[in-house]
Amino acid sequence: MAFEGLTDRLQKAMEKLRRKPKVTEADLRETMREIRLALLEADVNFKVVKDFVKTVREKAAGAEVLKGLNPAQQIVKIVNDELTKLMGEEAVPLNKAPHIPTVIMMVGLQGAGKTTTAGKLALRLKNENHARPMFIAADVYRPAAITQLQQVADQIDVPVFEKGTDVDPVEIVREGMEVAQKNHNDYVIIDTAGRLQIDEQLMDELANIKELVNPNEILLVIDSMTGQNAVNTAQGFDDKLDITGVILTKLDGDTRGGAAMSIRAVTGKPIKFVGEGEKMEDLDVFHPDRMASRILGMGDMMTLIEKAQKNFDEEQAQETMDKMRENTFDYNDFLAQMDQVTKMGPLENIIKMMPGMANNPALKNLNLDPKQFAHIRAIVLSMTPEERENPDIMNPSRRRRLAAGAGRPIVEVNRMIKQFNQMRKMMKQVTNGNFNGMQNMFGGQMPGGKMGQMAMNRMARKMKKDKQKRIKKLRKLRKKK
């Protein structure tokens, strides 16, 4: 996962600082050295690292910080604030035309995932704004580029305007815009050509398209795994086209994170979206503050909550919470919840959004092989209706029958049942606002320490408020009846 090495290094540096009863100038120098090395290893631009460390040191070196209460926590806050500023402070929305269509030009080098990202963006626009986007296939050089765009478009039911590979791209865009205006498409996404490297011919063609349509957005799609090269690419495209924003792809891969932390500082252009998965739904708005929290291992509860709200049915979720509270949660509910959780993305990514979980030792030996879900499903589906509805009747003979029916070892059946019972017990405590179950799960210590406890307390308060709102809503409906 992105930033894993950086998060690990920064967490160790901050933890070392927290353990000191008093923070001295020498401790601060040592911490700054660790931060500098961590950022350089993450492939962050050297000048960006130098300026970042200088700013943090100046703000943290003040007497009011070192001699004040909890100096280590104050330094963590300064690092968090400066990371957020480095990446842009706040999310930047897409530019929108005063009249339709809004034109978005997708640019980038070959292999960055430009065509797939265009599809993800179109789907996001459809889902959020009830938009009617249209693609223009302006890449006439890459083999099968038009076919790939058509396949992406078919998945999300978006029309494609194309004229084949023998027509000048500028002419294709001109005719495509006329069709979009005639059909009242409110967004036009132009999939332009890429190259293995920036060249004059490519840039001249893109500049001609820009001059023709005067796009509202020129979004540069960059593979975040390319590190500092991504910054050089961004500079090259920005110098020629004056890009309006960046989309980082493959942020869920084995990337060190240098691109995300350097691009805004070097080019001044915002990162607007990040791609963190292969599904068409895996395109998220880039929130610098949330990314800074993730880098420092403090989790990303807001994104986690948003993903849950998007993928979970509210009535079903409330019914499940009631069952957990009343300890009537059964294997049918478990199966339904498992299906909804898998829609949110890879489980390890979801867990690491929880405070303190990015490099928690409890996760090191956790096997998150997607095949496990299939095995668990097979075990549950081998149960009789009575067994699914009454988890407590699972005696040894029933377990042996399940193992034979699912084709899994008896030890795996026993482990699944044990985990189910632990989860049921823990979730009953969580739904009642008691996080002792969570503490016990991670060796008696709340993930993320005090910050983790604060995040969990905020979540408990939100759950309580939501429950009160639902009760009021139900009372009003009853009065009307």
Protein backbone atom coordinates (compact mmCIF):
# COMPACT_ATOMS: atom_id res chain seq x y z
CA MET A 1 0.00 0.00 0.00
CA ALA A 2 1.18 3.57 -0.69
CA PHE A 3 3.21 5.36 2.01
CA GLU A 4 3.68 2.18 4.08
CA GLY A 5 7.46 2.60 4.43
CA LEU A 6 7.16 6.35 5.00
CA THR A 7 4.41 5.87 7.60
CA ASP A 8 6.50 3.29 9.43
CA ARG A 9 9.57 5.56 9.57
CA LEU A 10 7.60 8.64 10.66
CA GLN A 11 5.66 6.72 13.30
CA LYS A 12 8.88 5.36 14.81
CA ALA A 13 10.40 8.86 14.89
CA MET A 14 7.31 10.33 16.57
CA GLU A 15 7.00 7.43 19.03
CA LYS A 16 10.63 7.90 20.06
CA LEU A 17 9.82 11.57 20.71
CA ARG A 18 6.67 10.76 22.71
CA ARG A 19 8.57 8.47 25.08
CA LYS A 20 10.86 11.29 26.21
CA PRO A 21 9.71 13.06 29.41
CA LYS A 22 11.31 16.28 28.14
CA VAL A 23 12.09 17.23 24.52
CA THR A 24 15.41 19.01 24.02
CA GLU A 25 16.91 20.80 21.01
CA ALA A 26 19.06 17.71 20.41
CA ASP A 27 15.93 15.48 20.38
CA LEU A 28 14.31 17.84 17.89
CA ARG A 29 17.38 17.74 15.62
CA GLU A 30 17.36 13.93 15.71
CA THR A 31 13.63 13.83 14.88
CA MET A 32 14.10 16.25 11.97
CA ARG A 33 16.94 14.09 10.65
CA GLU A 34 14.68 11.01 10.76
CA ILE A 35 11.89 12.91 8.97
CA ARG A 36 14.28 14.13 6.28
CA LEU A 37 15.61 10.62 5.62
CA ALA A 38 12.08 9.18 5.60
CA LEU A 39 10.91 11.71 3.00
CA LEU A 40 13.98 11.24 0.79
CA GLU A 41 13.53 7.45 0.90
CA ALA A 42 9.90 8.00 -0.15
CA ASP A 43 11.30 9.71 -3.28
CA VAL A 44 10.05 13.17 -2.35
CA ASN A 45 11.74 15.97 -4.32
CA PHE A 46 14.98 17.05 -2.55
CA LYS A 47 14.16 20.78 -2.54
CA VAL A 48 10.65 20.05 -1.21
CA VAL A 49 12.18 17.97 1.62
CA LYS A 50 14.69 20.70 2.46
CA ASP A 51 12.00 23.41 2.66
CA PHE A 52 9.61 21.16 4.59
CA VAL A 53 12.16 20.19 7.26
CA LYS A 54 13.29 23.81 7.63
CA THR A 55 9.71 25.02 8.17
CA VAL A 56 8.89 22.29 10.71
CA ARG A 57 12.13 22.88 12.60
CA GLU A 58 11.52 26.64 12.81
CA LYS A 59 7.95 26.18 14.08
CA ALA A 60 8.89 23.42 16.53
CA ALA A 61 12.03 25.08 17.90
CA GLY A 62 10.12 27.82 19.68
CA ALA A 63 10.38 27.88 23.47
CA GLU A 64 6.58 27.73 23.77
CA VAL A 65 6.64 24.32 22.06
CA LEU A 66 9.65 22.65 23.67
CA LYS A 67 8.88 23.97 27.17
CA GLY A 68 5.10 23.70 26.90
CA LEU A 69 2.80 20.85 27.82
CA ASN A 70 3.03 17.73 25.60
CA PRO A 71 5.78 19.07 23.29
CA ALA A 72 5.87 15.79 21.35
CA GLN A 73 2.15 16.05 20.55
CA GLN A 74 2.63 19.67 19.45
CA ILE A 75 5.46 18.65 17.12
CA VAL A 76 3.29 15.87 15.65
CA LYS A 77 0.58 18.48 15.04
CA ILE A 78 3.09 20.81 13.32
CA VAL A 79 4.29 17.97 11.06
CA ASN A 80 0.68 17.06 10.26
CA ASP A 81 -0.23 20.69 9.45
CA GLU A 82 2.83 21.17 7.23
CA LEU A 83 2.21 17.90 5.37
CA THR A 84 -1.32 19.09 4.69
CA LYS A 85 -0.05 22.45 3.39
CA LEU A 86 2.55 20.67 1.26
CA MET A 87 -0.17 18.70 -0.53
CA GLY A 88 -2.57 21.62 -0.93
CA GLU A 89 -4.50 22.16 2.35
CA GLU A 90 -7.96 21.33 0.99
CA ALA A 91 -9.72 19.34 -1.74
CA VAL A 92 -10.12 21.20 -5.05
CA PRO A 93 -13.35 20.52 -7.00
CA LEU A 94 -13.59 20.16 -10.76
CA ASN A 95 -14.06 23.35 -12.74
CA LYS A 96 -17.49 23.59 -14.30
CA ALA A 97 -18.57 25.53 -17.39
CA PRO A 98 -21.32 28.17 -17.00
CA HIS A 99 -23.16 26.38 -19.80
CA ILE A 100 -23.00 22.81 -21.10
CA PRO A 101 -20.87 21.04 -21.99
CA THR A 102 -18.07 21.13 -19.43
CA VAL A 103 -14.98 19.96 -21.34
CA ILE A 104 -12.32 17.84 -19.65
CA MET A 105 -9.07 17.03 -21.47
CA MET A 106 -7.26 13.94 -20.17
CA VAL A 107 -3.51 14.06 -20.86
CA GLY A 108 -0.51 11.98 -19.80
CA LEU A 109 2.15 9.52 -20.83
CA GLN A 110 1.42 5.98 -22.00
CA GLY A 111 0.92 3.46 -19.22
CA ALA A 112 -0.33 5.92 -16.62
CA GLY A 113 -3.90 4.59 -16.83
CA LYS A 114 -5.39 7.58 -18.65
CA THR A 115 -8.19 5.74 -20.50
CA THR A 116 -9.31 3.74 -17.45
CA THR A 117 -9.19 6.89 -15.31
CA ALA A 118 -11.36 8.70 -17.87
CA GLY A 119 -13.93 5.93 -17.37
CA LYS A 120 -13.71 6.19 -13.57
CA LEU A 121 -14.22 9.96 -13.77
CA ALA A 122 -17.22 9.61 -16.09
CA LEU A 123 -18.83 7.10 -13.73
CA ARG A 124 -18.22 9.40 -10.76
CA LEU A 125 -19.87 12.31 -12.63
CA LYS A 126 -22.84 10.11 -13.52
CA ASN A 127 -23.31 8.94 -9.94
CA GLU A 128 -22.77 12.31 -8.25
CA ASN A 129 -24.31 14.83 -10.64
CA HIS A 130 -26.68 12.62 -12.66
CA ALA A 131 -24.56 13.82 -15.56
CA ARG A 132 -24.73 12.68 -19.20
CA PRO A 133 -21.04 12.49 -20.15
CA MET A 134 -19.63 11.61 -23.56
CA PHE A 135 -16.15 10.45 -24.56
CA ILE A 136 -14.19 11.67 -27.57
CA ALA A 137 -11.59 9.13 -28.74
CA ALA A 138 -8.68 11.35 -29.81
CA ASP A 139 -5.86 8.81 -29.42
CA VAL A 140 -5.29 7.58 -32.99
CA TYR A 141 -1.71 6.32 -32.47
CA ARG A 142 -1.70 3.70 -29.72
CA PRO A 143 -2.81 0.26 -30.96
CA ALA A 144 -6.32 -0.62 -29.75
CA ALA A 145 -6.69 2.69 -27.85
CA ILE A 146 -10.16 3.31 -29.30
CA THR A 147 -11.20 -0.29 -28.60
CA GLN A 148 -10.06 0.05 -24.98
CA LEU A 149 -12.03 3.29 -24.54
CA GLN A 150 -15.11 1.63 -26.05
CA GLN A 151 -14.80 -1.30 -23.64
CA VAL A 152 -14.50 1.08 -20.67
CA ALA A 153 -17.47 3.11 -21.92
CA ASP A 154 -19.62 -0.02 -22.36
CA GLN A 155 -19.05 -0.93 -18.70
CA ILE A 156 -20.51 2.36 -17.48
CA ASP A 157 -22.99 3.02 -20.32
CA VAL A 158 -21.39 6.20 -21.71
CA PRO A 159 -21.35 7.02 -25.46
CA VAL A 160 -18.09 7.33 -27.39
CA PHE A 161 -17.51 9.56 -30.42
CA GLU A 162 -14.81 8.14 -32.66
CA LYS A 163 -13.74 8.43 -36.31
CA GLY A 164 -11.15 5.66 -36.43
CA THR A 165 -7.37 6.09 -36.71
CA ASP A 166 -7.09 7.77 -40.11
CA VAL A 167 -8.52 11.18 -39.14
CA ASP A 168 -6.60 14.07 -37.59
CA PRO A 169 -7.26 14.17 -33.78
CA VAL A 170 -8.11 17.89 -33.89
CA GLU A 171 -10.80 17.22 -36.52
CA ILE A 172 -12.16 14.33 -34.42
CA VAL A 173 -12.49 16.64 -31.43
CA ARG A 174 -14.15 19.34 -33.54
CA GLU A 175 -16.81 16.94 -34.84
CA GLY A 176 -17.20 15.32 -31.43
CA MET A 177 -17.97 18.68 -29.79
CA GLU A 178 -20.70 19.34 -32.38
CA VAL A 179 -22.28 15.95 -31.56
CA ALA A 180 -22.09 16.64 -27.80
CA GLN A 181 -23.85 20.01 -28.20
CA LYS A 182 -26.50 18.46 -30.43
CA ASN A 183 -27.15 15.64 -27.91
CA HIS A 184 -27.00 17.99 -24.88
CA ASN A 185 -24.21 16.06 -23.16
CA ASP A 186 -23.25 18.07 -20.08
CA TYR A 187 -19.69 16.69 -19.84
CA VAL A 188 -17.25 15.87 -22.64
CA ILE A 189 -14.16 13.86 -21.70
CA ILE A 190 -11.45 13.90 -24.38
CA ASP A 191 -9.10 10.90 -24.25
CA THR A 192 -5.96 12.28 -25.91
CA ALA A 193 -2.86 10.47 -27.14
CA GLY A 194 0.10 9.68 -24.91
CA ARG A 195 3.73 8.91 -25.60
CA LEU A 196 6.45 7.00 -23.79
CA GLN A 197 8.04 10.40 -23.21
CA ILE A 198 7.19 14.04 -23.83
CA ASP A 199 7.93 15.17 -27.40
CA GLU A 200 7.16 18.25 -29.51
CA GLN A 201 4.74 16.48 -31.85
CA LEU A 202 2.59 15.31 -28.94
CA MET A 203 2.59 18.71 -27.26
CA ASP A 204 1.76 20.58 -30.48
CA GLU A 205 -1.23 18.29 -31.04
CA LEU A 206 -2.47 18.76 -27.47
CA ALA A 207 -1.96 22.52 -27.73
CA ASN A 208 -4.06 22.58 -30.93
CA ILE A 209 -6.87 20.65 -29.23
CA LYS A 210 -6.71 23.03 -26.27
CA GLU A 211 -6.91 26.05 -28.57
CA LEU A 212 -9.92 24.55 -30.37
CA VAL A 213 -12.10 23.65 -27.37
CA ASN A 214 -10.74 25.88 -24.57
CA PRO A 215 -11.31 23.09 -21.98
CA ASN A 216 -12.51 23.81 -18.46
CA GLU A 217 -10.11 21.18 -17.13
CA ILE A 218 -6.81 19.78 -18.39
CA LEU A 219 -6.20 16.85 -16.07
CA LEU A 220 -2.78 15.23 -16.12
CA VAL A 221 -2.94 11.51 -15.26
CA ILE A 222 0.24 10.33 -13.55
CA ASP A 223 1.37 6.90 -12.38
CA SER A 224 2.30 7.53 -8.73
CA MET A 225 4.76 4.61 -8.83
CA THR A 226 7.12 6.68 -11.00
CA GLY A 227 8.21 8.79 -7.99
CA GLN A 228 10.16 11.95 -8.79
CA ASN A 229 9.84 11.28 -12.52
CA ALA A 230 6.16 12.07 -12.04
CA VAL A 231 7.14 15.58 -10.96
CA ASN A 232 9.30 16.05 -14.08
CA THR A 233 6.39 14.84 -16.24
CA ALA A 234 4.01 17.24 -14.49
CA GLN A 235 6.38 20.15 -15.07
CA GLY A 236 6.77 19.28 -18.76
CA PHE A 237 3.01 19.12 -19.40
CA ASP A 238 2.34 22.21 -17.28
CA ASP A 239 4.94 24.30 -19.15
CA LYS A 240 3.28 23.49 -22.50
CA LEU A 241 -0.41 23.27 -21.60
CA ASP A 242 -0.91 25.03 -18.25
CA ILE A 243 -2.68 22.02 -16.71
CA THR A 244 -5.48 22.64 -14.18
CA GLY A 245 -5.00 19.57 -12.02
CA VAL A 246 -3.53 16.11 -11.53
CA ILE A 247 -4.98 12.63 -11.06
CA LEU A 248 -2.64 10.13 -9.38
CA THR A 249 -3.18 6.48 -10.31
CA LYS A 250 -2.01 3.23 -8.67
CA LEU A 251 -1.81 4.81 -5.22
CA ASP A 252 -2.83 1.41 -3.83
CA GLY A 253 0.28 -0.19 -5.30
CA ASP A 254 3.83 -0.49 -3.99
CA THR A 255 4.48 3.23 -4.28
CA ARG A 256 6.61 5.28 -1.93
CA GLY A 257 4.38 8.35 -2.14
CA GLY A 258 6.94 10.88 -3.36
CA ALA A 259 4.77 12.05 -6.27
CA ALA A 260 1.78 12.90 -4.08
CA MET A 261 3.95 14.95 -1.77
CA SER A 262 6.00 16.76 -4.43
CA ILE A 263 3.69 17.67 -7.33
CA ARG A 264 1.71 20.43 -5.63
CA ALA A 265 4.82 22.01 -4.12
CA VAL A 266 6.77 21.97 -7.42
CA THR A 267 4.05 22.85 -9.97
CA GLY A 268 1.50 24.69 -7.81
CA LYS A 269 -1.24 22.58 -9.45
CA PRO A 270 -3.66 20.62 -7.24
CA ILE A 271 -4.08 16.87 -7.09
CA LYS A 272 -7.83 16.51 -7.67
CA PHE A 273 -8.35 12.74 -7.61
CA VAL A 274 -6.51 9.55 -6.70
CA GLY A 275 -7.05 6.06 -8.06
CA GLU A 276 -6.72 3.34 -5.42
CA GLY A 277 -7.99 0.18 -7.07
CA GLU A 278 -8.88 -1.53 -10.34
CA LYS A 279 -12.67 -1.22 -10.16
CA MET A 280 -14.45 1.58 -12.03
CA GLU A 281 -15.67 2.95 -8.68
CA ASP A 282 -12.10 3.30 -7.35
CA LEU A 283 -11.54 7.02 -7.90
CA ASP A 284 -11.58 9.26 -4.83
CA VAL A 285 -11.36 13.00 -4.28
CA PHE A 286 -7.90 13.92 -2.97
CA HIS A 287 -8.12 15.42 0.53
CA PRO A 288 -4.67 16.68 1.64
CA ASP A 289 -5.61 16.70 5.34
CA ARG A 290 -6.83 13.10 5.22
CA MET A 291 -3.75 11.98 3.28
CA ALA A 292 -1.49 13.67 5.85
CA SER A 293 -3.29 11.77 8.63
CA ARG A 294 -2.80 8.50 6.75
CA ILE A 295 0.89 9.20 6.21
CA LEU A 296 1.36 9.80 9.95
CA GLY A 297 -0.53 6.59 10.78
CA MET A 298 -3.50 8.44 12.31
CA GLY A 299 -6.02 6.85 9.97
CA ASP A 300 -8.66 8.35 7.71
CA MET A 301 -12.01 7.94 9.44
CA MET A 302 -13.83 10.43 7.19
CA THR A 303 -13.01 8.50 4.00
CA LEU A 304 -13.89 5.25 5.77
CA ILE A 305 -17.28 6.65 6.81
CA GLU A 306 -17.92 8.00 3.28
CA LYS A 307 -17.11 4.59 1.77
CA ALA A 308 -19.46 2.91 4.23
CA GLN A 309 -22.27 5.39 3.51
CA LYS A 310 -21.84 4.84 -0.24
CA ASN A 311 -21.84 1.05 -0.07
CA PHE A 312 -24.13 0.25 2.86
CA ASP A 313 -27.90 0.26 2.86
CA GLU A 314 -28.94 2.54 5.76
CA GLU A 315 -31.96 0.50 6.86
CA GLN A 316 -30.02 -2.75 6.71
CA ALA A 317 -27.11 -1.17 8.61
CA GLN A 318 -29.46 0.03 11.38
CA GLU A 319 -31.11 -3.38 11.57
CA THR A 320 -27.67 -5.02 11.85
CA MET A 321 -26.61 -2.60 14.62
CA ASP A 322 -29.80 -3.39 16.54
CA LYS A 323 -29.08 -7.10 16.19
CA MET A 324 -25.52 -6.63 17.42
CA ARG A 325 -26.75 -4.62 20.38
CA GLU A 326 -29.30 -7.29 21.25
CA ASN A 327 -26.80 -10.12 20.56
CA THR A 328 -29.06 -11.66 17.88
CA PHE A 329 -26.56 -11.17 15.04
CA ASP A 330 -26.45 -14.46 13.09
CA TYR A 331 -24.64 -16.04 10.14
CA ASN A 332 -27.18 -14.71 7.62
CA ASP A 333 -26.37 -11.16 8.81
CA PHE A 334 -22.67 -12.01 8.77
CA LEU A 335 -22.86 -13.10 5.13
CA ALA A 336 -24.77 -9.92 4.13
CA GLN A 337 -22.25 -7.70 5.95
CA MET A 338 -19.32 -9.52 4.35
CA ASP A 339 -20.76 -8.84 0.90
CA GLN A 340 -21.14 -5.12 1.67
CA VAL A 341 -17.66 -4.80 3.16
CA THR A 342 -16.04 -6.36 0.08
CA LYS A 343 -17.73 -3.67 -2.06
CA MET A 344 -15.69 -1.03 -0.18
CA GLY A 345 -12.41 -2.33 -1.57
CA PRO A 346 -9.50 -4.49 -0.36
CA LEU A 347 -9.91 -5.26 3.34
CA GLU A 348 -6.34 -4.32 4.23
CA ASN A 349 -6.92 -0.81 2.80
CA ILE A 350 -10.10 -0.42 4.84
CA ILE A 351 -8.44 -1.55 8.09
CA LYS A 352 -5.49 0.79 7.55
CA MET A 353 -7.86 3.78 7.45
CA MET A 354 -8.55 3.18 11.14
CA PRO A 355 -6.39 5.30 13.50
CA GLY A 356 -3.09 3.63 14.31
CA MET A 357 -3.64 0.66 12.01
CA ALA A 358 -1.34 1.57 9.08
CA ASN A 359 1.60 -0.30 10.64
CA ASN A 360 -0.01 -1.91 13.68
CA PRO A 361 1.91 -5.06 14.75
CA ALA A 362 -1.39 -6.93 15.04
CA LEU A 363 -1.75 -6.66 11.24
CA LYS A 364 1.69 -8.00 10.39
CA ASN A 365 0.59 -11.65 10.62
CA LEU A 366 -2.95 -11.04 9.40
CA ASN A 367 -3.62 -13.02 6.23
CA LEU A 368 -5.98 -10.99 4.04
CA ASP A 369 -6.04 -13.31 1.04
CA PRO A 370 -9.30 -12.58 -0.88
CA LYS A 371 -9.76 -16.36 -1.25
CA GLN A 372 -10.53 -16.49 2.46
CA PHE A 373 -13.85 -14.77 1.80
CA ALA A 374 -14.78 -17.52 -0.65
CA HIS A 375 -13.84 -20.19 1.90
CA ILE A 376 -15.87 -18.50 4.66
CA ARG A 377 -18.83 -18.18 2.30
CA ALA A 378 -18.59 -21.89 1.47
CA ILE A 379 -18.60 -22.78 5.18
CA VAL A 380 -21.61 -20.57 5.96
CA LEU A 381 -23.56 -21.83 2.93
CA SER A 382 -22.96 -25.40 4.12
CA MET A 383 -24.95 -24.64 7.30
CA THR A 384 -28.61 -25.53 7.70
CA PRO A 385 -31.09 -22.62 8.08
CA GLU A 386 -31.32 -23.44 11.79
CA GLU A 387 -27.53 -23.26 12.23
CA ARG A 388 -27.31 -19.92 10.47
CA GLU A 389 -30.02 -18.44 12.66
CA ASN A 390 -28.69 -19.97 15.93
CA PRO A 391 -24.87 -19.63 16.02
CA ASP A 392 -24.67 -21.09 19.55
CA ILE A 393 -25.71 -24.62 18.50
CA MET A 394 -22.50 -25.32 16.56
CA ASN A 395 -21.34 -28.49 18.37
CA PRO A 396 -18.36 -30.67 17.24
CA SER A 397 -20.42 -33.03 15.07
CA ARG A 398 -22.03 -30.12 13.21
CA ARG A 399 -18.60 -28.59 12.66
CA ARG A 400 -17.27 -31.82 11.16
CA ARG A 401 -20.24 -31.92 8.79
CA LEU A 402 -19.58 -28.29 7.76
CA ALA A 403 -15.92 -29.07 7.02
CA ALA A 404 -16.92 -31.97 4.79
CA GLY A 405 -19.68 -29.96 3.05
CA ALA A 406 -17.43 -26.93 2.36
CA GLY A 407 -14.35 -28.99 1.52
CA ARG A 408 -12.29 -27.14 4.15
CA PRO A 409 -10.19 -28.47 7.07
CA ILE A 410 -11.96 -28.74 10.43
CA VAL A 411 -9.37 -26.36 11.93
CA GLU A 412 -10.46 -23.68 9.45
CA VAL A 413 -14.13 -24.15 10.39
CA ASN A 414 -13.26 -23.86 14.09
CA ARG A 415 -11.21 -20.72 13.45
CA MET A 416 -14.02 -19.07 11.45
CA ILE A 417 -16.59 -19.82 14.19
CA LYS A 418 -14.23 -18.50 16.88
CA GLN A 419 -13.62 -15.29 14.91
CA PHE A 420 -17.36 -14.87 14.34
CA ASN A 421 -18.05 -15.17 18.06
CA GLN A 422 -15.25 -12.71 18.92
CA MET A 423 -16.55 -10.25 16.34
CA ARG A 424 -20.13 -10.57 17.62
CA LYS A 425 -18.97 -9.89 21.18
CA MET A 426 -16.77 -6.94 20.16
CA MET A 427 -19.42 -5.35 17.93
CA LYS A 428 -22.01 -5.57 20.72
CA GLN A 429 -19.64 -3.50 22.88
CA VAL A 430 -18.86 -1.05 20.07
CA THR A 431 -22.54 -0.43 19.24
CA ASN A 432 -23.12 0.38 22.91
CA GLY A 433 -20.26 2.93 22.82
CA ASN A 434 -17.81 0.70 24.73
CA PHE A 435 -14.47 0.22 22.95
CA ASN A 436 -12.92 -2.21 25.45
CA GLY A 437 -13.51 -4.98 22.93
CA MET A 438 -11.44 -3.08 20.40
CA GLN A 439 -8.68 -2.59 22.99
CA ASN A 440 -8.61 -6.28 23.88
CA MET A 441 -8.44 -7.19 20.20
CA PHE A 442 -5.16 -5.27 19.90
CA GLY A 443 -3.44 -6.39 23.07
CA GLY A 444 -5.09 -4.05 25.54
CA GLN A 445 -4.08 -0.85 23.75
CA MET A 446 -6.33 1.28 21.57
CA PRO A 447 -4.97 1.54 18.00
CA GLY A 448 -3.29 4.92 17.50
CA GLY A 449 -2.94 5.61 21.24
CA LYS A 450 -4.66 8.80 22.40
CA MET A 451 -5.46 9.88 18.85
CA GLY A 452 -7.04 6.51 18.16
CA GLN A 453 -9.10 6.79 21.35
CA MET A 454 -10.22 10.31 20.37
CA ALA A 455 -11.25 9.13 16.88
CA MET A 456 -13.20 6.21 18.35
CA ASN A 457 -14.90 8.51 20.86
CA ARG A 458 -15.91 10.84 18.02
CA MET A 459 -17.31 7.86 16.15
CA ALA A 460 -19.27 6.75 19.25
CA ARG A 461 -20.74 10.25 19.64
CA LYS A 462 -21.71 10.31 15.95
CA MET A 463 -23.40 6.91 16.28
CA LYS A 464 -25.31 8.16 19.32
CA LYS A 465 -26.45 11.34 17.50
CA ASP A 466 -27.49 9.34 14.43
CA LYS A 467 -29.53 7.03 16.64
CA GLN A 468 -31.26 10.01 18.31
CA LYS A 469 -32.08 11.49 14.88
CA ARG A 470 -33.58 8.21 13.70
CA ILE A 471 -35.72 7.95 16.86
CA LYS A 472 -37.05 11.51 16.33
CA LYS A 473 -37.77 10.74 12.67
CA LEU A 474 -39.71 7.59 13.61
CA ARG A 475 -41.73 9.49 16.23
CA LYS A 476 -42.70 12.16 13.68
CA LEU A 477 -43.79 9.49 11.18
CA ARG A 478 -45.91 7.78 13.87
CA LYS A 479 -47.60 11.09 14.77
CA LYS A 480 -48.48 11.72 11.13
CA LYS A 481 -50.05 8.26 10.89
